[in-house]
Amino acid sequence: MDTGIFPIQTWENFEQQFWLHFFPVNVEVDVINALEGTSYHQGNRIVDDYLNSFQALVSDASYTDPQTLVVKFQRDLRLGIQNQIATMPYEQSANTNPDTWYRAARRIDQAYFANKAF
C-alpha cells in the first residue's frame, strides 16, 4: 500500500500522534519547571505581555502564595525595572503583595516608552 506523503494511515494513529505532540503528559510539572528554571524571563517583551504570560503560568502551576508570586515575578523582570521597584518607598508589605509589583512594573514600563517617544 502506498502511503504517499502521509505517514499516518488511521484516525486512531493520528489521534495518538496528535496527543503525543500537542498535549504534554503533565502540564503542571512543565509549567513549574518553566517557572523554577532560568529560561523564563521578561526579555524584550513589554511588561503587559510578560505579566500576562506570568499570570497564566502561575495559575497553571497553582501558585497562590503572594510572597512566592512577588519573588517569581520580580526575579524574571528586566534588571532596570527590578531595581526601580525595589528602591521605591513602599511599605514592607509590598513584598507580599503581587498587585503592587504588577502595577509598579507597568507604570515604569509605560514611562519608559513615553520618554522614548520624545
Protein backbone atom coordinates (compact mmCIF):
# COMPACT_ATOMS: atom_id res chain seq x y z
CA MET A 1 0.00 0.00 0.00
CA ASP A 2 1.36 3.44 -1.00
CA THR A 3 1.13 5.93 1.87
CA GLY A 4 2.28 8.92 -0.19
CA ILE A 5 3.31 11.88 1.96
CA PHE A 6 1.02 10.99 4.86
CA PRO A 7 2.65 8.51 7.26
CA ILE A 8 -0.49 8.39 9.42
CA GLN A 9 -2.96 5.96 7.95
CA THR A 10 -5.73 5.72 10.54
CA TRP A 11 -7.71 8.10 12.69
CA GLU A 12 -6.50 6.30 15.81
CA ASN A 13 -2.87 6.74 14.75
CA PHE A 14 -3.50 10.42 14.03
CA GLU A 15 -5.14 10.92 17.40
CA GLN A 16 -2.26 9.17 19.18
CA GLN A 17 0.35 11.31 17.39
CA PHE A 18 -1.65 14.48 17.99
CA TRP A 19 -1.88 13.84 21.74
CA LEU A 20 1.78 12.87 21.90
CA HIS A 21 2.99 16.08 20.23
CA PHE A 22 0.50 18.71 21.39
CA PHE A 23 -0.57 17.71 24.89
CA PRO A 24 2.16 17.29 27.47
CA VAL A 25 1.86 14.42 29.90
CA ASN A 26 1.84 16.68 32.94
CA VAL A 27 1.10 20.34 32.25
CA GLU A 28 1.57 21.39 35.88
CA VAL A 29 5.07 19.87 36.04
CA ASP A 30 6.04 21.55 32.75
CA VAL A 31 4.80 24.91 33.99
CA ILE A 32 6.54 24.58 37.35
CA ASN A 33 9.77 23.67 35.56
CA ALA A 34 9.43 26.80 33.42
CA LEU A 35 8.88 29.00 36.47
CA GLU A 36 11.66 27.40 38.50
CA GLY A 37 14.17 27.39 35.67
CA THR A 38 16.32 30.20 34.39
CA SER A 39 14.92 30.41 30.87
CA TYR A 40 11.69 32.27 31.60
CA HIS A 41 12.38 35.99 31.67
CA GLN A 42 10.75 39.18 30.50
CA GLY A 43 13.43 39.65 27.88
CA ASN A 44 12.45 42.26 25.29
CA ARG A 45 8.73 41.91 25.91
CA ILE A 46 6.73 44.78 27.30
CA VAL A 47 5.63 44.32 30.90
CA ASP A 48 1.98 43.70 29.93
CA ASP A 49 2.98 40.77 27.71
CA TYR A 50 5.34 39.35 30.32
CA LEU A 51 2.71 39.80 33.05
CA ASN A 52 0.01 38.03 31.02
CA SER A 53 2.31 35.06 30.39
CA PHE A 54 3.48 35.05 34.00
CA GLN A 55 -0.06 35.05 35.39
CA ALA A 56 -1.06 32.19 33.08
CA LEU A 57 1.96 30.16 34.21
CA VAL A 58 1.40 30.72 37.94
CA SER A 59 -2.27 29.86 37.52
CA ASP A 60 -1.43 26.62 35.70
CA ALA A 61 1.18 25.84 38.38
CA SER A 62 -1.40 26.53 41.12
CA TYR A 63 0.91 29.03 42.83
CA THR A 64 -1.13 31.17 45.21
CA ASP A 65 1.26 32.33 47.94
CA PRO A 66 1.61 36.12 47.49
CA GLN A 67 5.26 36.25 48.56
CA THR A 68 6.15 33.45 46.13
CA LEU A 69 4.37 35.33 43.34
CA VAL A 70 6.32 38.51 44.11
CA VAL A 71 9.64 36.66 44.18
CA LYS A 72 8.98 34.83 40.90
CA PHE A 73 7.66 37.94 39.14
CA GLN A 74 10.49 40.14 40.37
CA ARG A 75 13.19 37.59 39.52
CA ASP A 76 12.25 37.46 35.85
CA LEU A 77 11.72 41.19 35.26
CA ARG A 78 14.37 43.17 33.44
CA LEU A 79 17.02 44.27 35.92
CA GLY A 80 16.32 48.00 35.44
CA ILE A 81 12.66 47.55 36.34
CA GLN A 82 13.54 45.32 39.30
CA ASN A 83 15.89 47.94 40.67
CA GLN A 84 13.43 50.80 40.29
CA ILE A 85 10.66 48.92 42.06
CA ALA A 86 12.96 47.67 44.81
CA THR A 87 14.04 51.22 45.63
CA MET A 88 10.54 52.74 45.66
CA PRO A 89 9.33 53.94 49.07
CA TYR A 90 6.82 51.16 49.72
CA GLU A 91 5.89 49.60 52.99
CA GLN A 92 7.42 46.21 53.72
CA SER A 93 4.04 44.65 52.88
CA ALA A 94 4.71 45.34 49.19
CA ASN A 95 6.97 42.29 49.22
CA THR A 96 3.92 40.14 49.85
CA ASN A 97 1.56 41.99 47.51
CA PRO A 98 1.92 40.91 43.87
CA ASP A 99 -0.52 43.58 42.64
CA THR A 100 1.80 46.30 43.98
CA TRP A 101 4.64 44.87 41.91
CA TYR A 102 2.45 44.38 38.82
CA ARG A 103 1.22 48.00 38.92
CA ALA A 104 4.69 49.41 39.55
CA ALA A 105 6.22 47.40 36.71
CA ARG A 106 3.50 48.57 34.33
CA ARG A 107 3.99 52.23 35.35
CA ILE A 108 7.76 52.03 34.88
CA ASP A 109 7.40 50.34 31.51
CA GLN A 110 4.82 52.88 30.32
CA ALA A 111 7.00 55.77 31.48
CA TYR A 112 9.99 54.29 29.66
CA PHE A 113 8.09 54.07 26.37
CA ALA A 114 6.57 57.54 26.82
CA ASN A 115 10.04 59.02 27.36
CA LYS A 116 11.41 57.04 24.44
CA ALA A 117 8.74 58.54 22.16
CA PHE A 118 10.11 62.02 22.88
